[in-house]
PDB file of N, CA and C in Angstrom:
ATOM      1  N   UNK A   1     -15.373  -2.653 -12.215  1.00  0.00           N
ATOM      2  CA  UNK A   1     -15.649  -3.448 -11.040  1.00  0.00           C
ATOM      3  C   UNK A   1     -16.292  -2.563  -9.983  1.00  0.00           C
ATOM      4  N   UNK A   2     -17.245  -3.126  -9.293  1.00  0.00           N
ATOM      5  CA  UNK A   2     -17.922  -2.390  -8.233  1.00  0.00           C
ATOM      6  C   UNK A   2     -17.047  -2.304  -6.996  1.00  0.00           C
ATOM      7  N   UNK A   3     -17.368  -1.337  -6.158  1.00  0.00           N
ATOM      8  CA  UNK A   3     -16.661  -1.200  -4.897  1.00  0.00           C
ATOM      9  C   UNK A   3     -17.148  -2.294  -3.955  1.00  0.00           C
ATOM     10  N   UNK A   4     -16.213  -2.993  -3.360  1.00  0.00           N
ATOM     11  CA  UNK A   4     -16.547  -4.080  -2.447  1.00  0.00           C
ATOM     12  C   UNK A   4     -16.456  -3.545  -1.026  1.00  0.00           C
ATOM     13  N   UNK A   5     -17.559  -3.613  -0.306  1.00  0.00           N
ATOM     14  CA  UNK A   5     -17.564  -3.142   1.078  1.00  0.00           C
ATOM     15  C   UNK A   5     -17.147  -4.268   2.011  1.00  0.00           C
ATOM     16  N   UNK A   6     -16.786  -3.902   3.225  1.00  0.00           N
ATOM     17  CA  UNK A   6     -16.378  -4.895   4.215  1.00  0.00           C
ATOM     18  C   UNK A   6     -17.534  -5.835   4.552  1.00  0.00           C
ATOM     19  N   UNK A   7     -18.751  -5.319   4.526  1.00  0.00           N
ATOM     20  CA  UNK A   7     -19.912  -6.168   4.802  1.00  0.00           C
ATOM     21  C   UNK A   7     -20.051  -7.274   3.759  1.00  0.00           C
ATOM     22  N   UNK A   8     -19.869  -6.913   2.487  1.00  0.00           N
ATOM     23  CA  UNK A   8     -19.952  -7.908   1.417  1.00  0.00           C
ATOM     24  C   UNK A   8     -18.855  -8.951   1.560  1.00  0.00           C
ATOM     25  N   UNK A   9     -17.674  -8.506   1.958  1.00  0.00           N
ATOM     26  CA  UNK A   9     -16.546  -9.426   2.117  1.00  0.00           C
ATOM     27  C   UNK A   9     -16.814 -10.392   3.257  1.00  0.00           C
ATOM     28  N   UNK A  10     -17.383  -9.898   4.346  1.00  0.00           N
ATOM     29  CA  UNK A  10     -17.686 -10.775   5.487  1.00  0.00           C
ATOM     30  C   UNK A  10     -18.736 -11.823   5.140  1.00  0.00           C
ATOM     31  N   UNK A  11     -19.621 -11.504   4.199  1.00  0.00           N
ATOM     32  CA  UNK A  11     -20.651 -12.456   3.786  1.00  0.00           C
ATOM     33  C   UNK A  11     -20.093 -13.551   2.883  1.00  0.00           C
ATOM     34  N   UNK A  12     -18.932 -13.310   2.288  1.00  0.00           N
ATOM     35  CA  UNK A  12     -18.332 -14.290   1.381  1.00  0.00           C
ATOM     36  C   UNK A  12     -17.734 -15.444   2.175  1.00  0.00           C
ATOM     37  N   UNK A  13     -17.655 -16.620   1.522  1.00  0.00           N
ATOM     38  CA  UNK A  13     -16.916 -17.709   2.143  1.00  0.00           C
ATOM     39  C   UNK A  13     -15.431 -17.562   1.788  1.00  0.00           C
ATOM     40  N   UNK A  14     -14.605 -18.417   2.370  1.00  0.00           N
ATOM     41  CA  UNK A  14     -13.147 -18.269   2.230  1.00  0.00           C
ATOM     42  C   UNK A  14     -12.683 -18.387   0.773  1.00  0.00           C
ATOM     43  N   UNK A  15     -13.241 -19.312   0.035  1.00  0.00           N
ATOM     44  CA  UNK A  15     -12.824 -19.483  -1.361  1.00  0.00           C
ATOM     45  C   UNK A  15     -13.194 -18.277  -2.209  1.00  0.00           C
ATOM     46  N   UNK A  16     -14.370 -17.733  -1.960  1.00  0.00           N
ATOM     47  CA  UNK A  16     -14.805 -16.560  -2.723  1.00  0.00           C
ATOM     48  C   UNK A  16     -13.907 -15.359  -2.418  1.00  0.00           C
ATOM     49  N   UNK A  17     -13.491 -15.229  -1.170  1.00  0.00           N
ATOM     50  CA  UNK A  17     -12.559 -14.150  -0.815  1.00  0.00           C
ATOM     51  C   UNK A  17     -11.230 -14.308  -1.540  1.00  0.00           C
ATOM     52  N   UNK A  18     -10.740 -15.538  -1.588  1.00  0.00           N
ATOM     53  CA  UNK A  18      -9.472 -15.787  -2.275  1.00  0.00           C
ATOM     54  C   UNK A  18      -9.586 -15.461  -3.762  1.00  0.00           C
ATOM     55  N   UNK A  19     -10.693 -15.858  -4.381  1.00  0.00           N
ATOM     56  CA  UNK A  19     -10.899 -15.558  -5.799  1.00  0.00           C
ATOM     57  C   UNK A  19     -10.978 -14.051  -6.027  1.00  0.00           C
ATOM     58  N   UNK A  20     -11.670 -13.358  -5.135  1.00  0.00           N
ATOM     59  CA  UNK A  20     -11.785 -11.902  -5.246  1.00  0.00           C
ATOM     60  C   UNK A  20     -10.417 -11.251  -5.105  1.00  0.00           C
ATOM     61  N   UNK A  21      -9.641 -11.713  -4.143  1.00  0.00           N
ATOM     62  CA  UNK A  21      -8.310 -11.163  -3.913  1.00  0.00           C
ATOM     63  C   UNK A  21      -7.411 -11.376  -5.125  1.00  0.00           C
ATOM     64  N   UNK A  22      -7.458 -12.561  -5.700  1.00  0.00           N
ATOM     65  CA  UNK A  22      -6.637 -12.859  -6.874  1.00  0.00           C
ATOM     66  C   UNK A  22      -7.054 -11.990  -8.059  1.00  0.00           C
ATOM     67  N   UNK A  23      -8.361 -11.855  -8.269  1.00  0.00           N
ATOM     68  CA  UNK A  23      -8.817 -11.052  -9.414  1.00  0.00           C
ATOM     69  C   UNK A  23      -8.474  -9.575  -9.234  1.00  0.00           C
ATOM     70  N   UNK A  24      -8.561  -9.063  -8.005  1.00  0.00           N
ATOM     71  CA  UNK A  24      -8.186  -7.671  -7.757  1.00  0.00           C
ATOM     72  C   UNK A  24      -6.693  -7.449  -8.007  1.00  0.00           C
ATOM     73  N   UNK A  25      -5.875  -8.393  -7.553  1.00  0.00           N
ATOM     74  CA  UNK A  25      -4.426  -8.260  -7.760  1.00  0.00           C
ATOM     75  C   UNK A  25      -4.073  -8.342  -9.245  1.00  0.00           C
ATOM     76  N   UNK A  26      -4.751  -9.233  -9.971  1.00  0.00           N
ATOM     77  CA  UNK A  26      -4.502  -9.336 -11.405  1.00  0.00           C
ATOM     78  C   UNK A  26      -4.900  -8.058 -12.126  1.00  0.00           C
ATOM     79  N   UNK A  27      -6.026  -7.495 -11.733  1.00  0.00           N
ATOM     80  CA  UNK A  27      -6.479  -6.247 -12.352  1.00  0.00           C
ATOM     81  C   UNK A  27      -5.493  -5.112 -12.077  1.00  0.00           C
ATOM     82  N   UNK A  28      -4.962  -5.061 -10.859  1.00  0.00           N
ATOM     83  CA  UNK A  28      -3.977  -4.035 -10.505  1.00  0.00           C
ATOM     84  C   UNK A  28      -2.691  -4.220 -11.308  1.00  0.00           C
ATOM     85  N   UNK A  29      -2.243  -5.456 -11.471  1.00  0.00           N
ATOM     86  CA  UNK A  29      -1.045  -5.706 -12.276  1.00  0.00           C
ATOM     87  C   UNK A  29      -1.256  -5.301 -13.728  1.00  0.00           C
ATOM     88  N   UNK A  30      -2.439  -5.599 -14.269  1.00  0.00           N
ATOM     89  CA  UNK A  30      -2.737  -5.208 -15.642  1.00  0.00           C
ATOM     90  C   UNK A  30      -2.736  -3.691 -15.791  1.00  0.00           C
ATOM     91  N   UNK A  31      -3.293  -3.001 -14.808  1.00  0.00           N
ATOM     92  CA  UNK A  31      -3.328  -1.544 -14.838  1.00  0.00           C
ATOM     93  C   UNK A  31      -1.911  -0.976 -14.811  1.00  0.00           C
ATOM     94  N   UNK A  32      -1.065  -1.517 -13.924  1.00  0.00           N
ATOM     95  CA  UNK A  32       0.317  -1.051 -13.853  1.00  0.00           C
ATOM     96  C   UNK A  32       1.073  -1.329 -15.141  1.00  0.00           C
ATOM     97  N   UNK A  33       0.849  -2.496 -15.739  1.00  0.00           N
ATOM     98  CA  UNK A  33       1.568  -2.814 -16.970  1.00  0.00           C
ATOM     99  C   UNK A  33       1.111  -1.913 -18.115  1.00  0.00           C
ATOM    100  N   UNK A  34      -0.165  -1.548 -18.132  1.00  0.00           N
ATOM    101  CA  UNK A  34      -0.650  -0.625 -19.163  1.00  0.00           C
ATOM    102  C   UNK A  34      -0.038   0.760 -18.982  1.00  0.00           C
ATOM    103  N   UNK A  35       0.101   1.194 -17.738  1.00  0.00           N
ATOM    104  CA  UNK A  35       0.654   2.516 -17.482  1.00  0.00           C
ATOM    105  C   UNK A  35       2.139   2.572 -17.799  1.00  0.00           C
ATOM    106  N   UNK A  36       2.872   1.499 -17.501  1.00  0.00           N
ATOM    107  CA  UNK A  36       4.301   1.512 -17.789  1.00  0.00           C
ATOM    108  C   UNK A  36       4.562   1.365 -19.281  1.00  0.00           C
ATOM    109  N   UNK A  37       3.603   0.812 -19.998  1.00  0.00           N
ATOM    110  CA  UNK A  37       3.744   0.683 -21.439  1.00  0.00           C
ATOM    111  C   UNK A  37       3.490   1.970 -22.182  1.00  0.00           C
ATOM    112  N   UNK A  38       3.176   3.020 -21.474  1.00  0.00           N
ATOM    113  CA  UNK A  38       2.975   4.319 -22.100  1.00  0.00           C
ATOM    114  C   UNK A  38       1.520   4.654 -22.342  1.00  0.00           C
ATOM    115  N   UNK A  39       0.633   3.756 -21.985  1.00  0.00           N
ATOM    116  CA  UNK A  39      -0.786   4.032 -22.190  1.00  0.00           C
ATOM    117  C   UNK A  39      -1.351   4.906 -21.084  1.00  0.00           C
ATOM    118  N   UNK A  40      -2.326   5.694 -21.441  1.00  0.00           N
ATOM    119  CA  UNK A  40      -2.977   6.537 -20.450  1.00  0.00           C
ATOM    120  C   UNK A  40      -4.168   5.806 -19.871  1.00  0.00           C
ATOM    121  N   UNK A  41      -4.353   5.940 -18.588  1.00  0.00           N
ATOM    122  CA  UNK A  41      -5.469   5.291 -17.913  1.00  0.00           C
ATOM    123  C   UNK A  41      -6.722   6.143 -18.074  1.00  0.00           C
ATOM    124  N   UNK A  42      -7.849   5.484 -18.274  1.00  0.00           N
ATOM    125  CA  UNK A  42      -9.099   6.225 -18.393  1.00  0.00           C
ATOM    126  C   UNK A  42      -9.569   6.724 -17.023  1.00  0.00           C
ATOM    127  N   UNK A  43      -9.101   6.076 -15.970  1.00  0.00           N
ATOM    128  CA  UNK A  43      -9.449   6.490 -14.615  1.00  0.00           C
ATOM    129  C   UNK A  43      -8.184   6.425 -13.765  1.00  0.00           C
ATOM    130  N   UNK A  44      -7.522   7.557 -13.550  1.00  0.00           N
ATOM    131  CA  UNK A  44      -6.263   7.536 -12.812  1.00  0.00           C
ATOM    132  C   UNK A  44      -6.397   7.105 -11.356  1.00  0.00           C
ATOM    133  N   UNK A  45      -7.581   7.214 -10.783  1.00  0.00           N
ATOM    134  CA  UNK A  45      -7.777   6.842  -9.377  1.00  0.00           C
ATOM    135  C   UNK A  45      -8.091   5.353  -9.224  1.00  0.00           C
ATOM    136  N   UNK A  46      -8.116   4.613 -10.317  1.00  0.00           N
ATOM    137  CA  UNK A  46      -8.481   3.205 -10.259  1.00  0.00           C
ATOM    138  C   UNK A  46      -7.461   2.394  -9.465  1.00  0.00           C
ATOM    139  N   UNK A  47      -6.179   2.700  -9.595  1.00  0.00           N
ATOM    140  CA  UNK A  47      -5.151   1.972  -8.859  1.00  0.00           C
ATOM    141  C   UNK A  47      -5.342   2.143  -7.358  1.00  0.00           C
ATOM    142  N   UNK A  48      -5.648   3.346  -6.941  1.00  0.00           N
ATOM    143  CA  UNK A  48      -5.873   3.611  -5.522  1.00  0.00           C
ATOM    144  C   UNK A  48      -7.094   2.836  -5.019  1.00  0.00           C
ATOM    145  N   UNK A  49      -8.154   2.805  -5.828  1.00  0.00           N
ATOM    146  CA  UNK A  49      -9.367   2.086  -5.455  1.00  0.00           C
ATOM    147  C   UNK A  49      -9.082   0.582  -5.332  1.00  0.00           C
ATOM    148  N   UNK A  50      -8.314   0.039  -6.274  1.00  0.00           N
ATOM    149  CA  UNK A  50      -7.991  -1.387  -6.229  1.00  0.00           C
ATOM    150  C   UNK A  50      -7.154  -1.732  -5.004  1.00  0.00           C
ATOM    151  N   UNK A  51      -6.183  -0.877  -4.694  1.00  0.00           N
ATOM    152  CA  UNK A  51      -5.349  -1.125  -3.518  1.00  0.00           C
ATOM    153  C   UNK A  51      -6.170  -1.120  -2.236  1.00  0.00           C
ATOM    154  N   UNK A  52      -7.131  -0.218  -2.150  1.00  0.00           N
ATOM    155  CA  UNK A  52      -7.989  -0.159  -0.965  1.00  0.00           C
ATOM    156  C   UNK A  52      -8.878  -1.399  -0.856  1.00  0.00           C
ATOM    157  N   UNK A  53      -9.378  -1.882  -1.998  1.00  0.00           N
ATOM    158  CA  UNK A  53     -10.211  -3.076  -1.968  1.00  0.00           C
ATOM    159  C   UNK A  53      -9.401  -4.301  -1.560  1.00  0.00           C
ATOM    160  N   UNK A  54      -8.171  -4.389  -2.045  1.00  0.00           N
ATOM    161  CA  UNK A  54      -7.287  -5.489  -1.636  1.00  0.00           C
ATOM    162  C   UNK A  54      -7.043  -5.420  -0.129  1.00  0.00           C
ATOM    163  N   UNK A  55      -6.818  -4.225   0.385  1.00  0.00           N
ATOM    164  CA  UNK A  55      -6.587  -4.051   1.816  1.00  0.00           C
ATOM    165  C   UNK A  55      -7.822  -4.453   2.620  1.00  0.00           C
ATOM    166  N   UNK A  56      -9.014  -4.148   2.108  1.00  0.00           N
ATOM    167  CA  UNK A  56     -10.242  -4.537   2.803  1.00  0.00           C
ATOM    168  C   UNK A  56     -10.357  -6.053   2.915  1.00  0.00           C
ATOM    169  N   UNK A  57     -10.083  -6.726   1.802  1.00  0.00           N
ATOM    170  CA  UNK A  57     -10.173  -8.193   1.804  1.00  0.00           C
ATOM    171  C   UNK A  57      -9.171  -8.786   2.781  1.00  0.00           C
ATOM    172  N   UNK A  58      -7.933  -8.279   2.763  1.00  0.00           N
ATOM    173  CA  UNK A  58      -6.901  -8.792   3.667  1.00  0.00           C
ATOM    174  C   UNK A  58      -7.230  -8.489   5.130  1.00  0.00           C
ATOM    175  N   UNK A  59      -7.822  -7.345   5.392  1.00  0.00           N
ATOM    176  CA  UNK A  59      -8.189  -6.988   6.759  1.00  0.00           C
ATOM    177  C   UNK A  59      -9.246  -7.928   7.294  1.00  0.00           C
ATOM    178  N   UNK A  60     -10.282  -8.190   6.527  1.00  0.00           N
ATOM    179  CA  UNK A  60     -11.334  -9.104   6.974  1.00  0.00           C
ATOM    180  C   UNK A  60     -10.775 -10.503   7.145  1.00  0.00           C
ATOM    181  N   UNK A  61      -9.882 -10.890   6.252  1.00  0.00           N
ATOM    182  CA  UNK A  61      -9.267 -12.213   6.328  1.00  0.00           C
ATOM    183  C   UNK A  61      -8.461 -12.353   7.625  1.00  0.00           C
ATOM    184  N   UNK A  62      -7.713 -11.305   7.988  1.00  0.00           N
ATOM    185  CA  UNK A  62      -6.908 -11.351   9.213  1.00  0.00           C
ATOM    186  C   UNK A  62      -7.760 -11.229  10.465  1.00  0.00           C
ATOM    187  N   UNK A  63      -8.895 -10.561  10.377  1.00  0.00           N
ATOM    188  CA  UNK A  63      -9.776 -10.457  11.548  1.00  0.00           C
ATOM    189  C   UNK A  63     -10.325 -11.806  11.971  1.00  0.00           C
ATOM    190  N   UNK A  64     -10.527 -12.679  11.009  1.00  0.00           N
ATOM    191  CA  UNK A  64     -11.149 -13.958  11.291  1.00  0.00           C
ATOM    192  C   UNK A  64     -10.146 -15.009  11.786  1.00  0.00           C
ATOM    193  N   UNK A  65      -8.884 -14.679  11.824  1.00  0.00           N
ATOM    194  CA  UNK A  65      -7.880 -15.633  12.324  1.00  0.00           C
ATOM    195  C   UNK A  65      -7.957 -15.765  13.811  1.00  0.00           C
TER     196      UNK A  65
END
């Protein structure tokens, strides 16, 4: 998945943001379940990147309230 910038998030409509947020959270859960199952991650920094992207989406969402 590409890195999502705050500018790209601001250009999205509300439904697209929600879909992006859900897909990012699902990807993070899958990554965690793979790691707890004993599998090695091909990119150990991926969890950190996903968490930051989720935070970006939530920040833009809260700014618009």
